[in-house]
Amino acid sequence: MVHFPYASYLRTQRDRWLLTQSELGLLLGVSGSVISKYERLTRTPPISVLIGAEFVFGEKSKRIFPGLYEDVELAVTKRAATLAEMLQGKGDQASLSKRALLEAMARRIATEPI
């Protein structure tokens, strides 16, 4: 069982629109009991549910599942640091392009609001 230690705002969004777990499950292609597990943080939603929730509620998945988003962002950031180390001292066009991408990622993390 996966458990991430942060709040989920899926229930907040569902309650705001007076949807039952079964109704939201219907919209997202899962059962109501699975929605319950996402809300209780006992199951991690797949990307299809994240994108579906964004579409249904008009909110970024970062706002609906902030803990999950933060966990993924941290993991990618650590791997980006590894790639940056691998690119050190390289001046070819591909390496410059990759460094520019990593710098853009870092700027988004630093400036993007929740």
N, C-alpha and C. Protein backbone atom coordinates (compact mmCIF):
# COMPACT_ATOMS: atom_id res chain seq x y z
N MET A 1 0.84 -1.18 0.00
CA MET A 1 0.00 0.00 0.00
C MET A 1 0.88 1.24 0.00
N VAL A 2 0.60 2.16 -0.89
CA VAL A 2 1.35 3.41 -0.99
C VAL A 2 0.66 4.45 -0.13
N HIS A 3 1.46 5.22 0.59
CA HIS A 3 0.89 6.30 1.39
C HIS A 3 1.83 7.49 1.29
N PHE A 4 1.33 8.62 0.86
CA PHE A 4 2.15 9.81 0.83
C PHE A 4 1.65 10.74 1.93
N PRO A 5 2.57 11.38 2.65
CA PRO A 5 2.23 12.05 3.90
C PRO A 5 1.71 13.48 3.76
N TYR A 6 1.03 13.77 2.69
CA TYR A 6 0.55 15.12 2.48
C TYR A 6 -0.94 15.12 2.22
N ALA A 7 -1.54 16.26 2.34
CA ALA A 7 -2.98 16.38 2.12
C ALA A 7 -3.34 16.17 0.66
N SER A 8 -4.54 15.67 0.46
CA SER A 8 -5.15 15.60 -0.85
C SER A 8 -6.38 16.49 -0.80
N TYR A 9 -6.57 17.28 -1.83
CA TYR A 9 -7.73 18.16 -1.88
C TYR A 9 -8.78 17.63 -2.84
N LEU A 10 -8.69 16.34 -3.18
CA LEU A 10 -9.68 15.74 -4.06
C LEU A 10 -11.06 15.80 -3.41
N ARG A 11 -11.14 15.45 -2.13
CA ARG A 11 -12.44 15.48 -1.45
C ARG A 11 -12.98 16.91 -1.37
N THR A 12 -12.11 17.86 -1.11
CA THR A 12 -12.53 19.26 -1.06
C THR A 12 -13.18 19.67 -2.38
N GLN A 13 -12.53 19.30 -3.48
CA GLN A 13 -13.08 19.63 -4.80
C GLN A 13 -14.39 18.88 -5.05
N ARG A 14 -14.41 17.61 -4.68
CA ARG A 14 -15.62 16.80 -4.90
C ARG A 14 -16.78 17.37 -4.10
N ASP A 15 -16.53 17.69 -2.84
CA ASP A 15 -17.58 18.25 -1.99
C ASP A 15 -18.07 19.61 -2.50
N ARG A 16 -17.14 20.39 -3.01
CA ARG A 16 -17.50 21.72 -3.54
C ARG A 16 -18.57 21.61 -4.62
N TRP A 17 -18.48 20.57 -5.42
CA TRP A 17 -19.42 20.39 -6.53
C TRP A 17 -20.52 19.39 -6.20
N LEU A 18 -20.59 18.96 -4.94
CA LEU A 18 -21.64 18.05 -4.45
C LEU A 18 -21.66 16.72 -5.21
N LEU A 19 -20.48 16.25 -5.59
CA LEU A 19 -20.36 14.95 -6.25
C LEU A 19 -20.18 13.85 -5.22
N THR A 20 -20.79 12.71 -5.45
CA THR A 20 -20.50 11.54 -4.63
C THR A 20 -19.19 10.93 -5.11
N GLN A 21 -18.64 10.04 -4.32
CA GLN A 21 -17.44 9.34 -4.75
C GLN A 21 -17.72 8.52 -6.01
N SER A 22 -18.89 7.92 -6.07
CA SER A 22 -19.26 7.12 -7.25
C SER A 22 -19.37 8.00 -8.50
N GLU A 23 -19.95 9.19 -8.35
CA GLU A 23 -20.09 10.09 -9.49
C GLU A 23 -18.73 10.58 -9.99
N LEU A 24 -17.86 10.95 -9.06
CA LEU A 24 -16.52 11.36 -9.47
C LEU A 24 -15.77 10.19 -10.08
N GLY A 25 -15.94 9.01 -9.50
CA GLY A 25 -15.33 7.82 -10.06
C GLY A 25 -15.79 7.57 -11.49
N LEU A 26 -17.08 7.77 -11.74
CA LEU A 26 -17.60 7.61 -13.09
C LEU A 26 -16.91 8.57 -14.05
N LEU A 27 -16.76 9.83 -13.63
CA LEU A 27 -16.09 10.82 -14.48
C LEU A 27 -14.62 10.47 -14.74
N LEU A 28 -13.96 9.90 -13.73
CA LEU A 28 -12.52 9.63 -13.84
C LEU A 28 -12.22 8.19 -14.28
N GLY A 29 -13.25 7.38 -14.45
CA GLY A 29 -13.04 6.02 -14.94
C GLY A 29 -12.58 5.03 -13.89
N VAL A 30 -12.93 5.30 -12.63
CA VAL A 30 -12.59 4.38 -11.53
C VAL A 30 -13.83 4.22 -10.66
N SER A 31 -13.76 3.31 -9.71
CA SER A 31 -14.91 3.10 -8.82
C SER A 31 -14.93 4.14 -7.70
N GLY A 32 -16.06 4.26 -7.06
CA GLY A 32 -16.18 5.13 -5.91
C GLY A 32 -15.26 4.72 -4.78
N SER A 33 -15.05 3.41 -4.61
CA SER A 33 -14.16 2.95 -3.54
C SER A 33 -12.71 3.33 -3.82
N VAL A 34 -12.34 3.41 -5.08
CA VAL A 34 -10.99 3.85 -5.43
C VAL A 34 -10.85 5.35 -5.14
N ILE A 35 -11.89 6.12 -5.44
CA ILE A 35 -11.86 7.55 -5.09
C ILE A 35 -11.66 7.69 -3.58
N SER A 36 -12.33 6.89 -2.80
CA SER A 36 -12.17 6.92 -1.35
C SER A 36 -10.72 6.67 -0.95
N LYS A 37 -10.07 5.74 -1.61
CA LYS A 37 -8.66 5.45 -1.31
C LYS A 37 -7.76 6.62 -1.67
N TYR A 38 -8.05 7.30 -2.79
CA TYR A 38 -7.28 8.49 -3.14
C TYR A 38 -7.48 9.57 -2.08
N GLU A 39 -8.71 9.75 -1.64
CA GLU A 39 -9.01 10.78 -0.64
C GLU A 39 -8.38 10.48 0.72
N ARG A 40 -8.29 9.21 1.06
CA ARG A 40 -7.69 8.82 2.34
C ARG A 40 -6.17 8.63 2.24
N LEU A 41 -5.64 8.87 1.04
CA LEU A 41 -4.19 8.78 0.80
C LEU A 41 -3.64 7.37 0.99
N THR A 42 -4.47 6.36 0.73
CA THR A 42 -3.99 4.99 0.83
C THR A 42 -3.68 4.38 -0.53
N ARG A 43 -3.94 5.16 -1.57
CA ARG A 43 -3.61 4.71 -2.93
C ARG A 43 -3.19 5.93 -3.74
N THR A 44 -2.16 5.76 -4.52
CA THR A 44 -1.66 6.84 -5.38
C THR A 44 -2.38 6.79 -6.72
N PRO A 45 -2.96 7.90 -7.13
CA PRO A 45 -3.68 7.91 -8.41
C PRO A 45 -2.73 7.86 -9.60
N PRO A 46 -3.13 7.16 -10.66
CA PRO A 46 -2.31 7.14 -11.88
C PRO A 46 -2.44 8.47 -12.62
N ILE A 47 -1.59 8.66 -13.58
CA ILE A 47 -1.57 9.91 -14.35
C ILE A 47 -2.91 10.19 -15.01
N SER A 48 -3.62 9.16 -15.44
CA SER A 48 -4.92 9.38 -16.08
C SER A 48 -5.91 10.03 -15.11
N VAL A 49 -5.84 9.67 -13.84
CA VAL A 49 -6.72 10.29 -12.84
C VAL A 49 -6.27 11.71 -12.54
N LEU A 50 -4.96 11.94 -12.48
CA LEU A 50 -4.46 13.29 -12.25
C LEU A 50 -4.94 14.24 -13.36
N ILE A 51 -4.76 13.81 -14.60
CA ILE A 51 -5.17 14.63 -15.74
C ILE A 51 -6.70 14.78 -15.75
N GLY A 52 -7.39 13.70 -15.47
CA GLY A 52 -8.85 13.75 -15.43
C GLY A 52 -9.35 14.71 -14.36
N ALA A 53 -8.75 14.69 -13.17
CA ALA A 53 -9.15 15.60 -12.10
C ALA A 53 -8.89 17.05 -12.49
N GLU A 54 -7.77 17.30 -13.17
CA GLU A 54 -7.49 18.65 -13.67
C GLU A 54 -8.61 19.10 -14.60
N PHE A 55 -9.01 18.23 -15.50
CA PHE A 55 -10.04 18.56 -16.48
C PHE A 55 -11.39 18.77 -15.80
N VAL A 56 -11.76 17.86 -14.91
CA VAL A 56 -13.06 17.95 -14.24
C VAL A 56 -13.18 19.22 -13.41
N PHE A 57 -12.16 19.52 -12.62
CA PHE A 57 -12.26 20.63 -11.66
C PHE A 57 -11.63 21.93 -12.14
N GLY A 58 -10.93 21.90 -13.26
CA GLY A 58 -10.29 23.12 -13.75
C GLY A 58 -9.18 23.60 -12.82
N GLU A 59 -8.57 22.67 -12.12
CA GLU A 59 -7.47 22.97 -11.19
C GLU A 59 -6.27 22.12 -11.58
N LYS A 60 -5.09 22.64 -11.39
CA LYS A 60 -3.88 21.87 -11.65
C LYS A 60 -3.79 20.72 -10.65
N SER A 61 -3.24 19.60 -11.11
CA SER A 61 -3.07 18.45 -10.21
C SER A 61 -2.19 18.83 -9.02
N LYS A 62 -1.34 19.82 -9.20
CA LYS A 62 -0.48 20.29 -8.12
C LYS A 62 -1.32 20.83 -6.96
N ARG A 63 -2.49 21.38 -7.26
CA ARG A 63 -3.38 21.90 -6.21
C ARG A 63 -4.27 20.80 -5.63
N ILE A 64 -4.61 19.80 -6.43
CA ILE A 64 -5.49 18.74 -5.96
C ILE A 64 -4.72 17.68 -5.18
N PHE A 65 -3.53 17.35 -5.64
CA PHE A 65 -2.67 16.35 -4.99
C PHE A 65 -1.30 16.96 -4.70
N PRO A 66 -1.21 17.95 -3.83
CA PRO A 66 0.05 18.66 -3.63
C PRO A 66 1.18 17.77 -3.12
N GLY A 67 0.87 16.83 -2.25
CA GLY A 67 1.91 15.95 -1.72
C GLY A 67 2.50 15.05 -2.78
N LEU A 68 1.65 14.47 -3.57
CA LEU A 68 2.11 13.60 -4.65
C LEU A 68 2.94 14.40 -5.65
N TYR A 69 2.44 15.58 -6.01
CA TYR A 69 3.17 16.44 -6.94
C TYR A 69 4.54 16.80 -6.38
N GLU A 70 4.57 17.16 -5.10
CA GLU A 70 5.84 17.53 -4.46
C GLU A 70 6.82 16.35 -4.44
N ASP A 71 6.32 15.15 -4.17
CA ASP A 71 7.18 13.97 -4.17
C ASP A 71 7.80 13.73 -5.54
N VAL A 72 6.98 13.84 -6.59
CA VAL A 72 7.48 13.63 -7.96
C VAL A 72 8.46 14.73 -8.34
N GLU A 73 8.11 15.98 -8.00
CA GLU A 73 8.98 17.10 -8.31
C GLU A 73 10.35 16.94 -7.63
N LEU A 74 10.36 16.50 -6.39
CA LEU A 74 11.61 16.29 -5.67
C LEU A 74 12.44 15.18 -6.33
N ALA A 75 11.80 14.09 -6.69
CA ALA A 75 12.52 12.98 -7.33
C ALA A 75 13.12 13.41 -8.67
N VAL A 76 12.36 14.14 -9.47
CA VAL A 76 12.87 14.61 -10.77
C VAL A 76 14.01 15.61 -10.56
N THR A 77 13.87 16.47 -9.55
CA THR A 77 14.92 17.45 -9.25
C THR A 77 16.23 16.75 -8.88
N LYS A 78 16.15 15.70 -8.10
CA LYS A 78 17.36 14.94 -7.73
C LYS A 78 18.00 14.32 -8.97
N ARG A 79 17.18 13.78 -9.85
CA ARG A 79 17.74 13.19 -11.08
C ARG A 79 18.30 14.27 -12.00
N ALA A 80 17.69 15.46 -11.98
CA ALA A 80 18.20 16.58 -12.77
C ALA A 80 19.59 16.99 -12.28
N ALA A 81 19.79 16.95 -10.97
CA ALA A 81 21.11 17.28 -10.41
C ALA A 81 22.15 16.27 -10.90
N THR A 82 21.76 15.01 -10.97
CA THR A 82 22.66 13.98 -11.48
C THR A 82 23.02 14.26 -12.94
N LEU A 83 22.03 14.60 -13.74
CA LEU A 83 22.29 14.91 -15.14
C LEU A 83 23.19 16.14 -15.26
N ALA A 84 22.95 17.16 -14.44
CA ALA A 84 23.78 18.37 -14.47
C ALA A 84 25.24 18.02 -14.18
N GLU A 85 25.48 17.12 -13.23
CA GLU A 85 26.84 16.70 -12.93
C GLU A 85 27.47 15.99 -14.13
N MET A 86 26.68 15.18 -14.81
CA MET A 86 27.18 14.46 -15.98
C MET A 86 27.56 15.42 -17.12
N LEU A 87 26.90 16.58 -17.16
CA LEU A 87 27.13 17.54 -18.24
C LEU A 87 28.26 18.52 -17.94
N GLN A 88 28.76 18.50 -16.71
CA GLN A 88 29.82 19.44 -16.34
C GLN A 88 31.02 19.29 -17.27
N GLY A 89 31.53 20.44 -17.72
CA GLY A 89 32.72 20.46 -18.55
C GLY A 89 32.46 20.18 -20.02
N LYS A 90 31.22 19.90 -20.38
CA LYS A 90 30.90 19.61 -21.78
C LYS A 90 30.36 20.88 -22.43
N GLY A 91 30.88 21.22 -23.59
CA GLY A 91 30.48 22.44 -24.27
C GLY A 91 29.81 22.23 -25.61
N ASP A 92 29.51 20.98 -25.94
CA ASP A 92 28.87 20.72 -27.24
C ASP A 92 27.42 21.23 -27.22
N GLN A 93 26.83 21.36 -28.39
CA GLN A 93 25.48 21.92 -28.52
C GLN A 93 24.44 21.11 -27.74
N ALA A 94 24.52 19.82 -27.78
CA ALA A 94 23.55 18.98 -27.06
C ALA A 94 23.64 19.23 -25.55
N SER A 95 24.85 19.31 -25.03
CA SER A 95 25.03 19.56 -23.59
C SER A 95 24.52 20.93 -23.20
N LEU A 96 24.77 21.94 -24.04
CA LEU A 96 24.27 23.29 -23.77
C LEU A 96 22.74 23.32 -23.76
N SER A 97 22.14 22.61 -24.68
CA SER A 97 20.69 22.53 -24.75
C SER A 97 20.12 21.86 -23.49
N LYS A 98 20.75 20.78 -23.08
CA LYS A 98 20.29 20.06 -21.88
C LYS A 98 20.44 20.92 -20.63
N ARG A 99 21.54 21.66 -20.53
CA ARG A 99 21.71 22.56 -19.39
C ARG A 99 20.66 23.66 -19.38
N ALA A 100 20.31 24.16 -20.56
CA ALA A 100 19.26 25.19 -20.66
C ALA A 100 17.92 24.63 -20.17
N LEU A 101 17.63 23.39 -20.52
CA LEU A 101 16.41 22.74 -20.05
C LEU A 101 16.41 22.62 -18.53
N LEU A 102 17.52 22.17 -17.96
CA LEU A 102 17.63 22.02 -16.51
C LEU A 102 17.48 23.37 -15.80
N GLU A 103 18.06 24.42 -16.39
CA GLU A 103 17.92 25.76 -15.81
C GLU A 103 16.47 26.23 -15.86
N ALA A 104 15.78 25.94 -16.95
CA ALA A 104 14.36 26.31 -17.06
C ALA A 104 13.53 25.57 -16.03
N MET A 105 13.84 24.30 -15.82
CA MET A 105 13.14 23.53 -14.78
C MET A 105 13.35 24.17 -13.42
N ALA A 106 14.56 24.54 -13.12
CA ALA A 106 14.88 25.14 -11.82
C ALA A 106 14.14 26.46 -11.64
N ARG A 107 14.05 27.25 -12.70
CA ARG A 107 13.31 28.53 -12.61
C ARG A 107 11.83 28.28 -12.35
N ARG A 108 11.25 27.27 -13.02
CA ARG A 108 9.83 26.98 -12.80
C ARG A 108 9.58 26.56 -11.36
N ILE A 109 10.46 25.75 -10.83
CA ILE A 109 10.30 25.29 -9.44
C ILE A 109 10.38 26.48 -8.50
N ALA A 110 11.30 27.39 -8.77
CA ALA A 110 11.51 28.53 -7.88
C ALA A 110 10.40 29.56 -7.96
N THR A 111 9.73 29.67 -9.13
CA THR A 111 8.78 30.76 -9.31
C THR A 111 7.33 30.35 -9.46
N GLU A 112 7.07 29.07 -9.71
CA GLU A 112 5.69 28.64 -9.97
C GLU A 112 4.89 28.55 -8.67
N PRO A 113 3.79 29.29 -8.59
CA PRO A 113 2.95 29.20 -7.39
C PRO A 113 2.17 27.89 -7.38
N ILE A 114 1.74 27.51 -6.21
CA ILE A 114 0.89 26.31 -6.09
C ILE A 114 -0.42 26.63 -6.65
